[in-house]
């Protein structure tokens, strides 16, 4: 037979469908699409979409904070402070983003931020250590153990504290090669801090003296 005739017979044997004809499990596909749309609208109504969660987290971590007004010029337990590094002109900040898990439960790194405004991510509350006998509103003195609680966990059940451990060859900061600093919920001796006088020659004499604000 002629090749063109065979081609025409092949085309006639293929069953064609109109674009509006539904084939396969069309009913199941329609129900699935309706369920997806319904679930989306319900989550949107409840504010459970990822975009809503990211927006809420961004508001929490970038929320403005009112720091303590040091009326007597000294730091007290319970005060809200920021930790400023004059060498880098930055504030110590918890390294979180709107896509990070929240609230923070596992150790989270900290970094320096040029944002000079007191915010939730770069503000800490000075609290007594478990081994100390000081109470809130008592004056912080040189040599006294204390803890720094991040304000990120202040409104949740999970409280996170600034902590660090000694640097080793295997575990240290990548750039400075000094000890790593992070925040975590499991606080222990790694979360205990001491304030010392900036001048090493005056540290022994200043032991037990009140810590001035801004020092």
C-alpha atoms as a PDB file:
ATOM      1  CA  UNK A   1       0.000   0.000   0.000  1.00  0.00           C
ATOM      2  CA  UNK A   2       0.980   3.625  -0.433  1.00  0.00           C
ATOM      3  CA  UNK A   3       2.737   5.228   2.576  1.00  0.00           C
ATOM      4  CA  UNK A   4       0.306   8.153   2.668  1.00  0.00           C
ATOM      5  CA  UNK A   5      -2.659   5.777   2.986  1.00  0.00           C
ATOM      6  CA  UNK A   6      -1.023   4.028   5.952  1.00  0.00           C
ATOM      7  CA  UNK A   7      -0.469   7.419   7.619  1.00  0.00           C
ATOM      8  CA  UNK A   8      -4.124   8.405   7.124  1.00  0.00           C
ATOM      9  CA  UNK A   9      -5.307   5.079   8.566  1.00  0.00           C
ATOM     10  CA  UNK A  10      -3.076   5.612  11.611  1.00  0.00           C
ATOM     11  CA  UNK A  11      -4.513   9.075  12.237  1.00  0.00           C
ATOM     12  CA  UNK A  12      -8.076   7.756  11.917  1.00  0.00           C
ATOM     13  CA  UNK A  13      -7.345   5.022  14.504  1.00  0.00           C
ATOM     14  CA  UNK A  14      -6.228   7.586  17.129  1.00  0.00           C
ATOM     15  CA  UNK A  15      -9.136   8.715  19.271  1.00  0.00           C
ATOM     16  CA  UNK A  16      -9.073  12.459  19.852  1.00  0.00           C
ATOM     17  CA  UNK A  17     -10.774  14.315  22.715  1.00  0.00           C
ATOM     18  CA  UNK A  18     -12.305  17.703  23.035  1.00  0.00           C
ATOM     19  CA  UNK A  19     -10.470  19.945  25.573  1.00  0.00           C
ATOM     20  CA  UNK A  20     -13.639  19.993  27.690  1.00  0.00           C
ATOM     21  CA  UNK A  21     -13.852  16.205  27.917  1.00  0.00           C
ATOM     22  CA  UNK A  22     -12.722  14.896  31.332  1.00  0.00           C
ATOM     23  CA  UNK A  23     -10.687  11.698  31.440  1.00  0.00           C
ATOM     24  CA  UNK A  24      -9.161   9.578  34.173  1.00  0.00           C
ATOM     25  CA  UNK A  25      -9.949  10.255  37.847  1.00  0.00           C
ATOM     26  CA  UNK A  26     -11.229  13.739  37.104  1.00  0.00           C
ATOM     27  CA  UNK A  27     -13.705  13.723  39.976  1.00  0.00           C
ATOM     28  CA  UNK A  28     -10.975  12.867  42.482  1.00  0.00           C
ATOM     29  CA  UNK A  29      -8.723  15.594  41.075  1.00  0.00           C
ATOM     30  CA  UNK A  30     -11.488  18.194  41.412  1.00  0.00           C
ATOM     31  CA  UNK A  31     -12.165  17.193  45.023  1.00  0.00           C
ATOM     32  CA  UNK A  32      -8.445  17.355  45.810  1.00  0.00           C
ATOM     33  CA  UNK A  33      -8.160  20.867  44.356  1.00  0.00           C
ATOM     34  CA  UNK A  34     -11.202  21.982  46.341  1.00  0.00           C
ATOM     35  CA  UNK A  35      -9.715  20.544  49.558  1.00  0.00           C
ATOM     36  CA  UNK A  36      -6.405  22.330  48.936  1.00  0.00           C
ATOM     37  CA  UNK A  37      -8.187  25.627  48.323  1.00  0.00           C
ATOM     38  CA  UNK A  38     -10.379  25.148  51.401  1.00  0.00           C
ATOM     39  CA  UNK A  39      -7.339  24.372  53.568  1.00  0.00           C
ATOM     40  CA  UNK A  40      -5.551  27.455  52.222  1.00  0.00           C
ATOM     41  CA  UNK A  41      -8.501  29.740  52.974  1.00  0.00           C
ATOM     42  CA  UNK A  42      -8.880  28.324  56.498  1.00  0.00           C
ATOM     43  CA  UNK A  43      -5.190  28.833  57.280  1.00  0.00           C
ATOM     44  CA  UNK A  44      -5.373  32.340  55.838  1.00  0.00           C
ATOM     45  CA  UNK A  45      -8.364  33.112  58.050  1.00  0.00           C
ATOM     46  CA  UNK A  46      -6.524  31.837  61.153  1.00  0.00           C
ATOM     47  CA  UNK A  47      -3.240  33.548  60.184  1.00  0.00           C
ATOM     48  CA  UNK A  48      -1.374  30.231  59.958  1.00  0.00           C
ATOM     49  CA  UNK A  49       0.225  30.705  56.550  1.00  0.00           C
ATOM     50  CA  UNK A  50       4.019  30.743  56.432  1.00  0.00           C
ATOM     51  CA  UNK A  51       3.996  34.364  55.309  1.00  0.00           C
ATOM     52  CA  UNK A  52       1.948  35.274  58.385  1.00  0.00           C
ATOM     53  CA  UNK A  53       4.262  33.338  60.697  1.00  0.00           C
ATOM     54  CA  UNK A  54       7.344  34.983  59.193  1.00  0.00           C
ATOM     55  CA  UNK A  55       5.743  38.397  59.606  1.00  0.00           C
ATOM     56  CA  UNK A  56       4.867  37.723  63.260  1.00  0.00           C
ATOM     57  CA  UNK A  57       8.403  36.460  63.998  1.00  0.00           C
ATOM     58  CA  UNK A  58       9.929  39.513  62.312  1.00  0.00           C
ATOM     59  CA  UNK A  59       7.825  41.767  64.559  1.00  0.00           C
ATOM     60  CA  UNK A  60       8.988  39.857  67.648  1.00  0.00           C
ATOM     61  CA  UNK A  61      12.715  39.834  66.905  1.00  0.00           C
ATOM     62  CA  UNK A  62      12.801  43.444  65.638  1.00  0.00           C
ATOM     63  CA  UNK A  63      10.435  44.865  68.230  1.00  0.00           C
ATOM     64  CA  UNK A  64      11.728  47.971  69.990  1.00  0.00           C
ATOM     65  CA  UNK A  65      12.786  47.625  73.618  1.00  0.00           C
ATOM     66  CA  UNK A  66      13.004  50.250  76.337  1.00  0.00           C
ATOM     67  CA  UNK A  67      16.269  49.843  78.220  1.00  0.00           C
ATOM     68  CA  UNK A  68      16.697  50.550  81.915  1.00  0.00           C
ATOM     69  CA  UNK A  69      17.259  54.134  82.981  1.00  0.00           C
ATOM     70  CA  UNK A  70      20.211  53.990  85.381  1.00  0.00           C
ATOM     71  CA  UNK A  71      19.155  56.718  87.804  1.00  0.00           C
ATOM     72  CA  UNK A  72      21.961  56.055  90.291  1.00  0.00           C
ATOM     73  CA  UNK A  73      24.599  55.337  87.627  1.00  0.00           C
ATOM     74  CA  UNK A  74      24.985  51.637  88.486  1.00  0.00           C
ATOM     75  CA  UNK A  75      23.769  48.364  86.973  1.00  0.00           C
ATOM     76  CA  UNK A  76      21.220  46.318  88.947  1.00  0.00           C
ATOM     77  CA  UNK A  77      19.839  42.815  88.689  1.00  0.00           C
ATOM     78  CA  UNK A  78      16.714  42.935  86.549  1.00  0.00           C
ATOM     79  CA  UNK A  79      18.017  45.746  84.348  1.00  0.00           C
ATOM     80  CA  UNK A  80      17.638  45.570  80.577  1.00  0.00           C
ATOM     81  CA  UNK A  81      20.862  46.267  78.721  1.00  0.00           C
ATOM     82  CA  UNK A  82      22.584  45.989  75.346  1.00  0.00           C
ATOM     83  CA  UNK A  83      26.143  44.711  74.958  1.00  0.00           C
ATOM     84  CA  UNK A  84      28.193  47.110  72.837  1.00  0.00           C
ATOM     85  CA  UNK A  85      31.544  46.327  71.237  1.00  0.00           C
ATOM     86  CA  UNK A  86      33.477  49.603  70.642  1.00  0.00           C
ATOM     87  CA  UNK A  87      36.015  47.908  68.359  1.00  0.00           C
ATOM     88  CA  UNK A  88      33.377  46.855  65.819  1.00  0.00           C
ATOM     89  CA  UNK A  89      30.795  49.539  66.746  1.00  0.00           C
ATOM     90  CA  UNK A  90      28.114  46.840  66.966  1.00  0.00           C
ATOM     91  CA  UNK A  91      25.630  45.384  69.431  1.00  0.00           C
ATOM     92  CA  UNK A  92      25.615  41.711  70.354  1.00  0.00           C
ATOM     93  CA  UNK A  93      22.528  40.239  68.679  1.00  0.00           C
ATOM     94  CA  UNK A  94      20.929  36.824  68.516  1.00  0.00           C
ATOM     95  CA  UNK A  95      21.361  35.549  64.971  1.00  0.00           C
ATOM     96  CA  UNK A  96      17.760  34.725  64.081  1.00  0.00           C
ATOM     97  CA  UNK A  97      15.661  35.437  61.010  1.00  0.00           C
ATOM     98  CA  UNK A  98      11.918  35.297  60.200  1.00  0.00           C
ATOM     99  CA  UNK A  99      12.453  31.785  58.803  1.00  0.00           C
ATOM    100  CA  UNK A 100      14.136  30.511  62.000  1.00  0.00           C
ATOM    101  CA  UNK A 101      12.249  28.189  64.390  1.00  0.00           C
ATOM    102  CA  UNK A 102      10.525  30.193  67.112  1.00  0.00           C
ATOM    103  CA  UNK A 103      10.589  30.184  70.073  1.00  0.00           C
ATOM    104  CA  UNK A 104      14.294  29.334  70.321  1.00  0.00           C
ATOM    105  CA  UNK A 105      14.952  26.049  72.100  1.00  0.00           C
ATOM    106  CA  UNK A 106      18.295  24.811  70.792  1.00  0.00           C
ATOM    107  CA  UNK A 107      21.607  26.736  70.926  1.00  0.00           C
ATOM    108  CA  UNK A 108      21.505  29.679  68.529  1.00  0.00           C
ATOM    109  CA  UNK A 109      24.540  31.681  67.423  1.00  0.00           C
ATOM    110  CA  UNK A 110      25.000  35.370  68.116  1.00  0.00           C
ATOM    111  CA  UNK A 111      26.646  38.026  65.985  1.00  0.00           C
ATOM    112  CA  UNK A 112      27.328  41.758  65.894  1.00  0.00           C
ATOM    113  CA  UNK A 113      24.754  44.143  64.473  1.00  0.00           C
ATOM    114  CA  UNK A 114      25.285  47.766  63.412  1.00  0.00           C
ATOM    115  CA  UNK A 115      21.662  48.483  64.296  1.00  0.00           C
ATOM    116  CA  UNK A 116      22.093  50.782  67.297  1.00  0.00           C
ATOM    117  CA  UNK A 117      18.405  50.694  68.257  1.00  0.00           C
ATOM    118  CA  UNK A 118      17.521  48.495  71.259  1.00  0.00           C
ATOM    119  CA  UNK A 119      15.464  45.598  69.930  1.00  0.00           C
ATOM    120  CA  UNK A 120      14.318  42.234  71.201  1.00  0.00           C
ATOM    121  CA  UNK A 121      17.139  40.373  69.472  1.00  0.00           C
ATOM    122  CA  UNK A 122      19.930  42.538  70.916  1.00  0.00           C
ATOM    123  CA  UNK A 123      18.642  43.216  74.444  1.00  0.00           C
ATOM    124  CA  UNK A 124      19.265  41.165  77.586  1.00  0.00           C
ATOM    125  CA  UNK A 125      18.047  41.121  81.171  1.00  0.00           C
ATOM    126  CA  UNK A 126      20.619  40.781  83.963  1.00  0.00           C
ATOM    127  CA  UNK A 127      19.510  38.052  86.364  1.00  0.00           C
ATOM    128  CA  UNK A 128      21.113  36.441  89.429  1.00  0.00           C
ATOM    129  CA  UNK A 129      22.929  33.141  88.982  1.00  0.00           C
ATOM    130  CA  UNK A 130      21.625  30.030  90.715  1.00  0.00           C
ATOM    131  CA  UNK A 131      24.674  30.087  92.988  1.00  0.00           C
ATOM    132  CA  UNK A 132      24.300  33.755  93.970  1.00  0.00           C
ATOM    133  CA  UNK A 133      22.257  35.194  96.816  1.00  0.00           C
ATOM    134  CA  UNK A 134      21.478  38.504  95.105  1.00  0.00           C
ATOM    135  CA  UNK A 135      17.940  39.512  94.308  1.00  0.00           C
ATOM    136  CA  UNK A 136      16.361  41.599  91.573  1.00  0.00           C
ATOM    137  CA  UNK A 137      17.086  45.337  92.039  1.00  0.00           C
ATOM    138  CA  UNK A 138      20.287  44.619  93.975  1.00  0.00           C
ATOM    139  CA  UNK A 139      23.344  46.413  92.602  1.00  0.00           C
ATOM    140  CA  UNK A 140      25.625  44.270  90.420  1.00  0.00           C
ATOM    141  CA  UNK A 141      29.194  44.218  91.724  1.00  0.00           C
ATOM    142  CA  UNK A 142      32.498  43.232  90.147  1.00  0.00           C
ATOM    143  CA  UNK A 143      33.190  39.515  90.594  1.00  0.00           C
ATOM    144  CA  UNK A 144      29.547  38.547  91.232  1.00  0.00           C
ATOM    145  CA  UNK A 145      28.114  35.814  89.022  1.00  0.00           C
ATOM    146  CA  UNK A 146      25.099  36.745  86.925  1.00  0.00           C
ATOM    147  CA  UNK A 147      23.210  35.603  83.832  1.00  0.00           C
ATOM    148  CA  UNK A 148      22.089  37.367  80.681  1.00  0.00           C
ATOM    149  CA  UNK A 149      18.625  36.343  79.550  1.00  0.00           C
ATOM    150  CA  UNK A 150      17.704  37.173  75.974  1.00  0.00           C
ATOM    151  CA  UNK A 151      14.449  39.085  75.696  1.00  0.00           C
ATOM    152  CA  UNK A 152      13.493  36.835  72.766  1.00  0.00           C
ATOM    153  CA  UNK A 153      12.221  34.217  75.198  1.00  0.00           C
ATOM    154  CA  UNK A 154      10.845  36.587  77.815  1.00  0.00           C
ATOM    155  CA  UNK A 155       7.214  36.172  76.742  1.00  0.00           C
ATOM    156  CA  UNK A 156       7.386  32.408  76.157  1.00  0.00           C
ATOM    157  CA  UNK A 157       7.892  29.425  78.426  1.00  0.00           C
ATOM    158  CA  UNK A 158      11.301  28.787  76.865  1.00  0.00           C
ATOM    159  CA  UNK A 159      13.846  31.167  78.398  1.00  0.00           C
ATOM    160  CA  UNK A 160      17.182  31.448  76.607  1.00  0.00           C
ATOM    161  CA  UNK A 161      20.431  32.718  78.091  1.00  0.00           C
ATOM    162  CA  UNK A 162      23.762  33.890  76.754  1.00  0.00           C
ATOM    163  CA  UNK A 163      26.376  31.180  77.225  1.00  0.00           C
ATOM    164  CA  UNK A 164      29.906  30.305  76.197  1.00  0.00           C
ATOM    165  CA  UNK A 165      32.642  27.753  76.841  1.00  0.00           C
ATOM    166  CA  UNK A 166      36.407  27.852  76.581  1.00  0.00           C
ATOM    167  CA  UNK A 167      37.889  27.807  73.097  1.00  0.00           C
ATOM    168  CA  UNK A 168      39.721  24.691  71.932  1.00  0.00           C
ATOM    169  CA  UNK A 169      41.505  23.755  68.727  1.00  0.00           C
ATOM    170  CA  UNK A 170      38.406  21.855  67.606  1.00  0.00           C
ATOM    171  CA  UNK A 171      35.767  24.315  68.800  1.00  0.00           C
ATOM    172  CA  UNK A 172      36.230  28.058  68.429  1.00  0.00           C
ATOM    173  CA  UNK A 173      34.968  31.030  66.451  1.00  0.00           C
ATOM    174  CA  UNK A 174      35.932  30.832  62.762  1.00  0.00           C
ATOM    175  CA  UNK A 175      37.302  34.365  62.380  1.00  0.00           C
ATOM    176  CA  UNK A 176      38.614  35.385  65.784  1.00  0.00           C
ATOM    177  CA  UNK A 177      39.601  31.846  66.868  1.00  0.00           C
ATOM    178  CA  UNK A 178      38.255  32.758  70.317  1.00  0.00           C
ATOM    179  CA  UNK A 179      35.507  31.060  72.291  1.00  0.00           C
ATOM    180  CA  UNK A 180      32.090  30.715  70.694  1.00  0.00           C
ATOM    181  CA  UNK A 181      29.090  32.530  72.150  1.00  0.00           C
ATOM    182  CA  UNK A 182      25.468  31.471  71.744  1.00  0.00           C
ATOM    183  CA  UNK A 183      22.080  31.504  73.452  1.00  0.00           C
ATOM    184  CA  UNK A 184      20.348  28.371  74.668  1.00  0.00           C
ATOM    185  CA  UNK A 185      17.643  27.136  77.010  1.00  0.00           C
ATOM    186  CA  UNK A 186      19.842  24.652  78.860  1.00  0.00           C
ATOM    187  CA  UNK A 187      21.680  27.043  81.144  1.00  0.00           C
ATOM    188  CA  UNK A 188      24.388  25.921  83.563  1.00  0.00           C
ATOM    189  CA  UNK A 189      27.859  27.059  84.478  1.00  0.00           C
ATOM    190  CA  UNK A 190      28.342  28.002  80.799  1.00  0.00           C
ATOM    191  CA  UNK A 191      25.743  30.737  81.324  1.00  0.00           C
ATOM    192  CA  UNK A 192      27.378  32.300  84.381  1.00  0.00           C
ATOM    193  CA  UNK A 193      29.207  35.578  83.766  1.00  0.00           C
ATOM    194  CA  UNK A 194      31.319  37.974  85.804  1.00  0.00           C
ATOM    195  CA  UNK A 195      31.974  41.665  85.320  1.00  0.00           C
ATOM    196  CA  UNK A 196      35.633  42.667  85.707  1.00  0.00           C
ATOM    197  CA  UNK A 197      37.302  46.059  85.604  1.00  0.00           C
ATOM    198  CA  UNK A 198      38.596  46.980  82.149  1.00  0.00           C
ATOM    199  CA  UNK A 199      42.012  47.900  83.571  1.00  0.00           C
ATOM    200  CA  UNK A 200      43.739  44.658  84.666  1.00  0.00           C
ATOM    201  CA  UNK A 201      45.791  46.536  87.265  1.00  0.00           C
ATOM    202  CA  UNK A 202      42.621  47.668  89.045  1.00  0.00           C
ATOM    203  CA  UNK A 203      40.707  44.380  88.989  1.00  0.00           C
ATOM    204  CA  UNK A 204      41.814  43.227  92.408  1.00  0.00           C
ATOM    205  CA  UNK A 205      40.981  46.567  94.022  1.00  0.00           C
ATOM    206  CA  UNK A 206      37.597  46.850  92.275  1.00  0.00           C
ATOM    207  CA  UNK A 207      36.387  43.397  93.409  1.00  0.00           C
ATOM    208  CA  UNK A 208      33.011  43.832  95.137  1.00  0.00           C
ATOM    209  CA  UNK A 209      32.529  47.405  93.928  1.00  0.00           C
ATOM    210  CA  UNK A 210      29.323  48.387  92.049  1.00  0.00           C
ATOM    211  CA  UNK A 211      29.511  48.111  88.256  1.00  0.00           C
ATOM    212  CA  UNK A 212      28.929  51.541  86.642  1.00  0.00           C
ATOM    213  CA  UNK A 213      26.396  51.802  83.846  1.00  0.00           C
ATOM    214  CA  UNK A 214      28.008  52.007  80.421  1.00  0.00           C
ATOM    215  CA  UNK A 215      31.170  50.222  81.512  1.00  0.00           C
END
